[in-house]
Amino acid sequence: MTVTEKVAYLKGLVEGLELDESKSETKVIKAMMDVLDDLALTVTDLSDDVDIMAEQLDAVDEDLGDLEEYVYDDEDECDCCDYDDCDCCDDDLYEVECPACHESVYVDESILEDGSIECPNCGEKLEFEIEFDDDEEEAEDKD
């Protein structure tokens, strides 16, 4: 039973009591019934509006899902920045935390050799100094 139906039922009960119209209690009860009737109609209107908005939100959500799939789910290309276990790239990636925004940025060896890069999240300049272990230097010198 809906709220409107319940209020209509109560109105019927009050009218069935055949209360004396001259008494103040009867006037109060009738005024309360009018308020309940208005509230029931308002609740019904709000419920209908919420249903319409929910349908529209579902449509927007579905469209957004299609758009996300189109933009982000390109499985033919490698997005090494998004996957920690990427085996398709030959270059080693290094994770660097930006000191300004604390977001992780992934860089390869060529960027490290350049010495700096702008943080793609906040624009802060990140500078790198490369230090090799003695074993790595000797291996590079032999090549």
N, C-alpha and C. Protein backbone atom coordinates (compact mmCIF):
# COMPACT_ATOMS: atom_id res chain seq x y z
N MET A 1 0.84 -1.16 0.00
CA MET A 1 0.00 0.00 0.00
C MET A 1 0.90 1.24 0.00
N THR A 2 0.60 2.18 -0.89
CA THR A 2 1.41 3.39 -0.99
C THR A 2 1.02 4.38 0.10
N VAL A 3 1.83 5.42 0.25
CA VAL A 3 1.55 6.44 1.26
C VAL A 3 0.24 7.14 0.94
N THR A 4 0.02 7.42 -0.34
CA THR A 4 -1.23 8.08 -0.74
C THR A 4 -2.44 7.21 -0.41
N GLU A 5 -2.32 5.92 -0.64
CA GLU A 5 -3.42 5.01 -0.33
C GLU A 5 -3.67 4.94 1.18
N LYS A 6 -2.60 4.94 1.96
CA LYS A 6 -2.75 4.90 3.42
C LYS A 6 -3.44 6.16 3.94
N VAL A 7 -3.07 7.31 3.38
CA VAL A 7 -3.71 8.56 3.81
C VAL A 7 -5.18 8.56 3.40
N ALA A 8 -5.48 8.07 2.21
CA ALA A 8 -6.88 7.99 1.77
C ALA A 8 -7.67 7.07 2.69
N TYR A 9 -7.06 5.99 3.12
CA TYR A 9 -7.73 5.07 4.05
C TYR A 9 -8.03 5.77 5.38
N LEU A 10 -7.03 6.52 5.89
CA LEU A 10 -7.24 7.26 7.15
C LEU A 10 -8.35 8.30 7.00
N LYS A 11 -8.37 8.99 5.85
CA LYS A 11 -9.42 9.98 5.61
C LYS A 11 -10.80 9.30 5.65
N GLY A 12 -10.88 8.14 5.04
CA GLY A 12 -12.14 7.39 5.06
C GLY A 12 -12.55 7.01 6.46
N LEU A 13 -11.58 6.60 7.28
CA LEU A 13 -11.89 6.26 8.67
C LEU A 13 -12.42 7.47 9.44
N VAL A 14 -11.76 8.62 9.25
CA VAL A 14 -12.17 9.83 9.95
C VAL A 14 -13.57 10.24 9.51
N GLU A 15 -13.83 10.17 8.21
CA GLU A 15 -15.17 10.53 7.71
C GLU A 15 -16.22 9.53 8.20
N GLY A 16 -15.83 8.27 8.35
CA GLY A 16 -16.74 7.24 8.82
C GLY A 16 -17.10 7.40 10.29
N LEU A 17 -16.31 8.11 11.03
CA LEU A 17 -16.60 8.34 12.45
C LEU A 17 -17.76 9.31 12.65
N GLU A 18 -18.07 10.08 11.64
CA GLU A 18 -19.12 11.08 11.69
C GLU A 18 -18.96 11.96 12.93
N LEU A 19 -17.79 12.58 13.01
CA LEU A 19 -17.48 13.45 14.15
C LEU A 19 -18.29 14.75 14.07
N ASP A 20 -18.55 15.31 15.22
CA ASP A 20 -19.32 16.56 15.30
C ASP A 20 -18.45 17.71 14.78
N GLU A 21 -18.90 18.38 13.72
CA GLU A 21 -18.13 19.44 13.06
C GLU A 21 -17.95 20.66 13.97
N SER A 22 -18.77 20.82 14.97
CA SER A 22 -18.68 22.00 15.83
C SER A 22 -17.56 21.87 16.88
N LYS A 23 -17.08 20.68 17.11
CA LYS A 23 -16.05 20.47 18.13
C LYS A 23 -14.67 20.84 17.56
N SER A 24 -13.84 21.39 18.41
CA SER A 24 -12.49 21.81 17.99
C SER A 24 -11.61 20.60 17.67
N GLU A 25 -11.84 19.47 18.33
CA GLU A 25 -11.05 18.26 18.07
C GLU A 25 -11.25 17.79 16.62
N THR A 26 -12.47 17.91 16.14
CA THR A 26 -12.79 17.50 14.78
C THR A 26 -12.08 18.39 13.77
N LYS A 27 -12.04 19.68 14.05
CA LYS A 27 -11.34 20.62 13.17
C LYS A 27 -9.84 20.30 13.12
N VAL A 28 -9.26 19.98 14.26
CA VAL A 28 -7.84 19.64 14.32
C VAL A 28 -7.57 18.36 13.53
N ILE A 29 -8.41 17.37 13.69
CA ILE A 29 -8.22 16.09 12.99
C ILE A 29 -8.32 16.31 11.48
N LYS A 30 -9.29 17.11 11.04
CA LYS A 30 -9.45 17.36 9.61
C LYS A 30 -8.25 18.15 9.06
N ALA A 31 -7.74 19.09 9.84
CA ALA A 31 -6.56 19.85 9.41
C ALA A 31 -5.34 18.92 9.30
N MET A 32 -5.21 18.02 10.26
CA MET A 32 -4.10 17.05 10.20
C MET A 32 -4.24 16.15 8.98
N MET A 33 -5.45 15.77 8.65
CA MET A 33 -5.66 14.91 7.47
C MET A 33 -5.28 15.65 6.19
N ASP A 34 -5.59 16.97 6.14
CA ASP A 34 -5.20 17.76 4.97
C ASP A 34 -3.67 17.84 4.84
N VAL A 35 -2.99 18.02 5.98
CA VAL A 35 -1.52 18.06 5.96
C VAL A 35 -0.97 16.71 5.51
N LEU A 36 -1.52 15.62 6.05
CA LEU A 36 -1.07 14.28 5.65
C LEU A 36 -1.29 14.04 4.16
N ASP A 37 -2.41 14.52 3.64
CA ASP A 37 -2.70 14.37 2.22
C ASP A 37 -1.68 15.12 1.37
N ASP A 38 -1.36 16.36 1.78
CA ASP A 38 -0.34 17.14 1.06
C ASP A 38 1.02 16.46 1.12
N LEU A 39 1.40 15.95 2.30
CA LEU A 39 2.68 15.26 2.45
C LEU A 39 2.74 14.01 1.58
N ALA A 40 1.65 13.27 1.52
CA ALA A 40 1.63 12.05 0.71
C ALA A 40 1.81 12.37 -0.76
N LEU A 41 1.17 13.44 -1.24
CA LEU A 41 1.33 13.84 -2.64
C LEU A 41 2.76 14.30 -2.92
N THR A 42 3.35 15.03 -1.97
CA THR A 42 4.74 15.48 -2.13
C THR A 42 5.69 14.29 -2.18
N VAL A 43 5.50 13.34 -1.29
CA VAL A 43 6.35 12.14 -1.27
C VAL A 43 6.21 11.38 -2.58
N THR A 44 5.02 11.27 -3.11
CA THR A 44 4.80 10.58 -4.38
C THR A 44 5.52 11.30 -5.52
N ASP A 45 5.42 12.64 -5.54
CA ASP A 45 6.11 13.41 -6.58
C ASP A 45 7.63 13.24 -6.47
N LEU A 46 8.15 13.30 -5.25
CA LEU A 46 9.59 13.13 -5.05
C LEU A 46 10.05 11.73 -5.46
N SER A 47 9.27 10.74 -5.14
CA SER A 47 9.59 9.37 -5.52
C SER A 47 9.64 9.21 -7.04
N ASP A 48 8.68 9.82 -7.72
CA ASP A 48 8.68 9.77 -9.18
C ASP A 48 9.91 10.47 -9.76
N ASP A 49 10.26 11.63 -9.18
CA ASP A 49 11.45 12.36 -9.65
C ASP A 49 12.72 11.55 -9.43
N VAL A 50 12.83 10.88 -8.29
CA VAL A 50 14.01 10.06 -8.00
C VAL A 50 14.10 8.90 -9.00
N ASP A 51 12.97 8.30 -9.32
CA ASP A 51 12.98 7.21 -10.30
C ASP A 51 13.47 7.69 -11.66
N ILE A 52 13.01 8.87 -12.08
CA ILE A 52 13.44 9.43 -13.36
C ILE A 52 14.94 9.73 -13.33
N MET A 53 15.42 10.33 -12.24
CA MET A 53 16.85 10.63 -12.14
C MET A 53 17.69 9.35 -12.09
N ALA A 54 17.19 8.32 -11.46
CA ALA A 54 17.92 7.05 -11.40
C ALA A 54 18.06 6.46 -12.80
N GLU A 55 17.00 6.54 -13.59
CA GLU A 55 17.08 6.04 -14.97
C GLU A 55 18.09 6.85 -15.79
N GLN A 56 18.06 8.16 -15.61
CA GLN A 56 19.01 9.02 -16.34
C GLN A 56 20.44 8.75 -15.87
N LEU A 57 20.63 8.56 -14.58
CA LEU A 57 21.96 8.27 -14.05
C LEU A 57 22.47 6.93 -14.58
N ASP A 58 21.61 5.94 -14.67
CA ASP A 58 22.01 4.65 -15.24
C ASP A 58 22.44 4.81 -16.69
N ALA A 59 21.73 5.64 -17.45
CA ALA A 59 22.09 5.87 -18.85
C ALA A 59 23.44 6.57 -18.95
N VAL A 60 23.68 7.57 -18.09
CA VAL A 60 24.96 8.28 -18.08
C VAL A 60 26.08 7.32 -17.67
N ASP A 61 25.83 6.48 -16.67
CA ASP A 61 26.82 5.52 -16.21
C ASP A 61 27.19 4.54 -17.32
N GLU A 62 26.20 4.10 -18.06
CA GLU A 62 26.45 3.18 -19.17
C GLU A 62 27.27 3.87 -20.27
N ASP A 63 26.92 5.12 -20.57
CA ASP A 63 27.68 5.87 -21.58
C ASP A 63 29.11 6.10 -21.11
N LEU A 64 29.28 6.41 -19.83
CA LEU A 64 30.62 6.62 -19.29
C LEU A 64 31.43 5.33 -19.34
N GLY A 65 30.80 4.22 -19.05
CA GLY A 65 31.48 2.93 -19.14
C GLY A 65 31.96 2.65 -20.56
N ASP A 66 31.12 2.95 -21.55
CA ASP A 66 31.52 2.78 -22.94
C ASP A 66 32.70 3.68 -23.28
N LEU A 67 32.64 4.92 -22.80
CA LEU A 67 33.73 5.87 -23.06
C LEU A 67 35.02 5.42 -22.40
N GLU A 68 34.94 4.97 -21.15
CA GLU A 68 36.13 4.48 -20.45
C GLU A 68 36.73 3.28 -21.18
N GLU A 69 35.88 2.39 -21.63
CA GLU A 69 36.36 1.23 -22.37
C GLU A 69 37.07 1.65 -23.64
N TYR A 70 36.51 2.63 -24.32
CA TYR A 70 37.11 3.12 -25.56
C TYR A 70 38.46 3.79 -25.30
N VAL A 71 38.53 4.59 -24.23
CA VAL A 71 39.74 5.36 -23.96
C VAL A 71 40.81 4.54 -23.25
N TYR A 72 40.43 3.77 -22.23
CA TYR A 72 41.43 3.14 -21.36
C TYR A 72 41.70 1.67 -21.65
N ASP A 73 40.82 0.97 -22.29
CA ASP A 73 41.00 -0.46 -22.46
C ASP A 73 41.56 -0.83 -23.82
N ASP A 74 42.65 -0.19 -24.19
CA ASP A 74 43.31 -0.52 -25.45
C ASP A 74 44.37 -1.56 -25.14
N GLU A 75 44.02 -2.83 -25.35
CA GLU A 75 44.91 -3.92 -24.97
C GLU A 75 46.05 -4.13 -25.95
N ASP A 76 46.03 -3.47 -27.11
CA ASP A 76 47.09 -3.63 -28.09
C ASP A 76 48.33 -2.84 -27.71
N GLU A 77 48.18 -1.80 -26.89
CA GLU A 77 49.31 -0.97 -26.52
C GLU A 77 49.69 -1.25 -25.07
N CYS A 78 50.93 -0.99 -24.77
CA CYS A 78 51.45 -1.20 -23.42
C CYS A 78 51.35 0.10 -22.64
N ASP A 79 50.82 0.04 -21.46
CA ASP A 79 50.78 1.17 -20.54
C ASP A 79 51.59 0.78 -19.31
N CYS A 80 52.87 0.82 -19.43
CA CYS A 80 53.73 0.35 -18.35
C CYS A 80 53.52 1.13 -17.05
N CYS A 81 53.11 2.34 -17.17
CA CYS A 81 52.91 3.13 -15.96
C CYS A 81 51.75 2.58 -15.12
N ASP A 82 50.86 1.83 -15.75
CA ASP A 82 49.70 1.35 -15.03
C ASP A 82 49.84 -0.10 -14.57
N TYR A 83 50.83 -0.82 -15.06
CA TYR A 83 50.96 -2.23 -14.74
C TYR A 83 52.33 -2.49 -14.13
N ASP A 84 52.36 -3.08 -12.96
CA ASP A 84 53.63 -3.36 -12.30
C ASP A 84 54.34 -4.57 -12.91
N ASP A 85 53.59 -5.52 -13.43
CA ASP A 85 54.16 -6.76 -13.94
C ASP A 85 54.16 -6.79 -15.46
N CYS A 86 54.65 -5.76 -16.08
CA CYS A 86 54.66 -5.67 -17.53
C CYS A 86 55.87 -6.43 -18.07
N ASP A 87 55.63 -7.44 -18.90
CA ASP A 87 56.72 -8.22 -19.49
C ASP A 87 56.94 -7.89 -20.96
N CYS A 88 56.19 -6.97 -21.50
CA CYS A 88 56.28 -6.73 -22.94
C CYS A 88 57.32 -5.68 -23.29
N CYS A 89 57.89 -5.00 -22.33
CA CYS A 89 58.87 -3.95 -22.63
C CYS A 89 60.28 -4.44 -22.31
N ASP A 90 61.23 -4.01 -23.09
CA ASP A 90 62.62 -4.36 -22.84
C ASP A 90 63.27 -3.41 -21.84
N ASP A 91 62.77 -2.18 -21.78
CA ASP A 91 63.37 -1.18 -20.90
C ASP A 91 62.93 -1.42 -19.46
N ASP A 92 63.87 -1.21 -18.55
CA ASP A 92 63.53 -1.28 -17.14
C ASP A 92 62.90 0.05 -16.74
N LEU A 93 61.88 -0.03 -15.93
CA LEU A 93 61.22 1.17 -15.43
C LEU A 93 61.56 1.34 -13.96
N TYR A 94 61.70 2.58 -13.57
CA TYR A 94 62.01 2.91 -12.20
C TYR A 94 60.90 3.77 -11.64
N GLU A 95 60.50 3.44 -10.43
CA GLU A 95 59.44 4.20 -9.78
C GLU A 95 60.07 5.32 -8.97
N VAL A 96 59.59 6.55 -9.20
CA VAL A 96 60.09 7.73 -8.50
C VAL A 96 58.90 8.43 -7.86
N GLU A 97 59.03 8.80 -6.60
CA GLU A 97 57.95 9.52 -5.93
C GLU A 97 58.24 11.01 -5.99
N CYS A 98 57.26 11.77 -6.48
CA CYS A 98 57.40 13.22 -6.55
C CYS A 98 57.37 13.78 -5.13
N PRO A 99 58.36 14.61 -4.77
CA PRO A 99 58.37 15.16 -3.41
C PRO A 99 57.27 16.20 -3.18
N ALA A 100 56.73 16.77 -4.23
CA ALA A 100 55.69 17.80 -4.07
C ALA A 100 54.31 17.18 -3.89
N CYS A 101 53.91 16.27 -4.81
CA CYS A 101 52.54 15.73 -4.76
C CYS A 101 52.49 14.29 -4.26
N HIS A 102 53.65 13.67 -4.07
CA HIS A 102 53.77 12.30 -3.54
C HIS A 102 53.13 11.24 -4.44
N GLU A 103 52.99 11.53 -5.72
CA GLU A 103 52.48 10.55 -6.67
C GLU A 103 53.66 9.78 -7.27
N SER A 104 53.43 8.54 -7.63
CA SER A 104 54.47 7.73 -8.25
C SER A 104 54.56 8.05 -9.74
N VAL A 105 55.78 8.20 -10.21
CA VAL A 105 56.05 8.44 -11.62
C VAL A 105 57.02 7.35 -12.07
N TYR A 106 56.74 6.75 -13.22
CA TYR A 106 57.61 5.70 -13.73
C TYR A 106 58.46 6.27 -14.85
N VAL A 107 59.78 6.05 -14.75
CA VAL A 107 60.71 6.57 -15.76
C VAL A 107 61.60 5.43 -16.22
N ASP A 108 62.08 5.55 -17.46
CA ASP A 108 63.03 4.56 -17.96
C ASP A 108 64.45 5.11 -17.88
N GLU A 109 65.39 4.33 -18.31
CA GLU A 109 66.80 4.70 -18.16
C GLU A 109 67.15 5.94 -18.96
N SER A 110 66.54 6.13 -20.13
CA SER A 110 66.86 7.30 -20.94
C SER A 110 66.46 8.60 -20.23
N ILE A 111 65.36 8.58 -19.52
CA ILE A 111 64.95 9.77 -18.78
C ILE A 111 65.91 10.01 -17.61
N LEU A 112 66.34 8.93 -16.98
CA LEU A 112 67.31 9.09 -15.89
C LEU A 112 68.61 9.70 -16.40
N GLU A 113 69.03 9.28 -17.59
CA GLU A 113 70.27 9.82 -18.17
C GLU A 113 70.12 11.29 -18.53
N ASP A 114 68.90 11.71 -18.93
CA ASP A 114 68.66 13.12 -19.23
C ASP A 114 68.83 13.97 -17.98
N GLY A 115 68.54 13.41 -16.83
CA GLY A 115 68.77 14.10 -15.57
C GLY A 115 67.57 14.74 -14.93
N SER A 116 66.50 14.99 -15.70
CA SER A 116 65.33 15.61 -15.09
C SER A 116 64.09 15.39 -15.96
N ILE A 117 62.94 15.60 -15.32
CA ILE A 117 61.65 15.51 -16.00
C ILE A 117 60.65 16.30 -15.16
N GLU A 118 59.61 16.80 -15.80
CA GLU A 118 58.53 17.45 -15.05
C GLU A 118 57.55 16.40 -14.58
N CYS A 119 57.09 16.52 -13.36
CA CYS A 119 56.09 15.59 -12.84
C CYS A 119 54.81 15.76 -13.65
N PRO A 120 54.28 14.67 -14.22
CA PRO A 120 53.06 14.80 -15.02
C PRO A 120 51.83 15.13 -14.18
N ASN A 121 51.92 14.97 -12.86
CA ASN A 121 50.78 15.25 -12.00
C ASN A 121 50.72 16.70 -11.54
N CYS A 122 51.87 17.26 -11.14
CA CYS A 122 51.85 18.61 -10.57
C CYS A 122 52.77 19.59 -11.29
N GLY A 123 53.64 19.11 -12.20
CA GLY A 123 54.52 20.00 -12.95
C GLY A 123 55.84 20.30 -12.25
N GLU A 124 56.06 19.77 -11.07
CA GLU A 124 57.31 19.98 -10.33
C GLU A 124 58.47 19.35 -11.10
N LYS A 125 59.62 20.02 -11.13
CA LYS A 125 60.79 19.48 -11.83
C LYS A 125 61.46 18.43 -10.95
N LEU A 126 61.57 17.22 -11.49
CA LEU A 126 62.23 16.12 -10.78
C LEU A 126 63.62 15.94 -11.38
N GLU A 127 64.63 15.98 -10.54
CA GLU A 127 66.01 15.84 -11.01
C GLU A 127 66.58 14.52 -10.52
N PHE A 128 67.40 13.89 -11.37
CA PHE A 128 67.95 12.57 -11.05
C PHE A 128 69.47 12.62 -11.13
N GLU A 129 70.09 11.89 -10.21
CA GLU A 129 71.54 11.66 -10.26
C GLU A 129 71.74 10.16 -10.29
N ILE A 130 72.47 9.67 -11.27
CA ILE A 130 72.68 8.24 -11.41
C ILE A 130 74.02 7.88 -10.78
N GLU A 131 73.97 6.91 -9.87
CA GLU A 131 75.19 6.38 -9.26
C GLU A 131 75.22 4.89 -9.51
N PHE A 132 76.31 4.41 -10.08
CA PHE A 132 76.44 2.99 -10.36
C PHE A 132 77.29 2.35 -9.28
N ASP A 133 76.99 1.08 -8.99
CA ASP A 133 77.87 0.31 -8.11
C ASP A 133 79.15 0.01 -8.87
N ASP A 134 80.22 -0.30 -8.16
CA ASP A 134 81.50 -0.60 -8.81
C ASP A 134 81.37 -1.77 -9.77
N ASP A 135 80.57 -2.79 -9.41
CA ASP A 135 80.40 -3.96 -10.28
C ASP A 135 79.72 -3.56 -11.59
N GLU A 136 78.76 -2.68 -11.51
CA GLU A 136 78.04 -2.25 -12.71
C GLU A 136 78.96 -1.43 -13.60
N GLU A 137 79.81 -0.55 -13.00
CA GLU A 137 80.73 0.24 -13.79
C GLU A 137 81.73 -0.63 -14.53
N GLU A 138 82.26 -1.67 -13.84
CA GLU A 138 83.22 -2.56 -14.46
C GLU A 138 82.57 -3.33 -15.59
N ALA A 139 81.34 -3.76 -15.41
CA ALA A 139 80.63 -4.48 -16.47
C ALA A 139 80.41 -3.57 -17.67
N GLU A 140 80.11 -2.29 -17.43
CA GLU A 140 79.89 -1.34 -18.53
C GLU A 140 81.21 -1.05 -19.23
N ASP A 141 82.31 -0.95 -18.46
CA ASP A 141 83.61 -0.67 -19.07
C ASP A 141 84.06 -1.81 -19.96
N LYS A 142 83.72 -3.05 -19.62
CA LYS A 142 84.11 -4.21 -20.41
C LYS A 142 83.33 -4.27 -21.73
N ASP A 143 82.12 -3.70 -21.77
CA ASP A 143 81.31 -3.72 -22.99
C ASP A 143 81.88 -2.79 -23.97
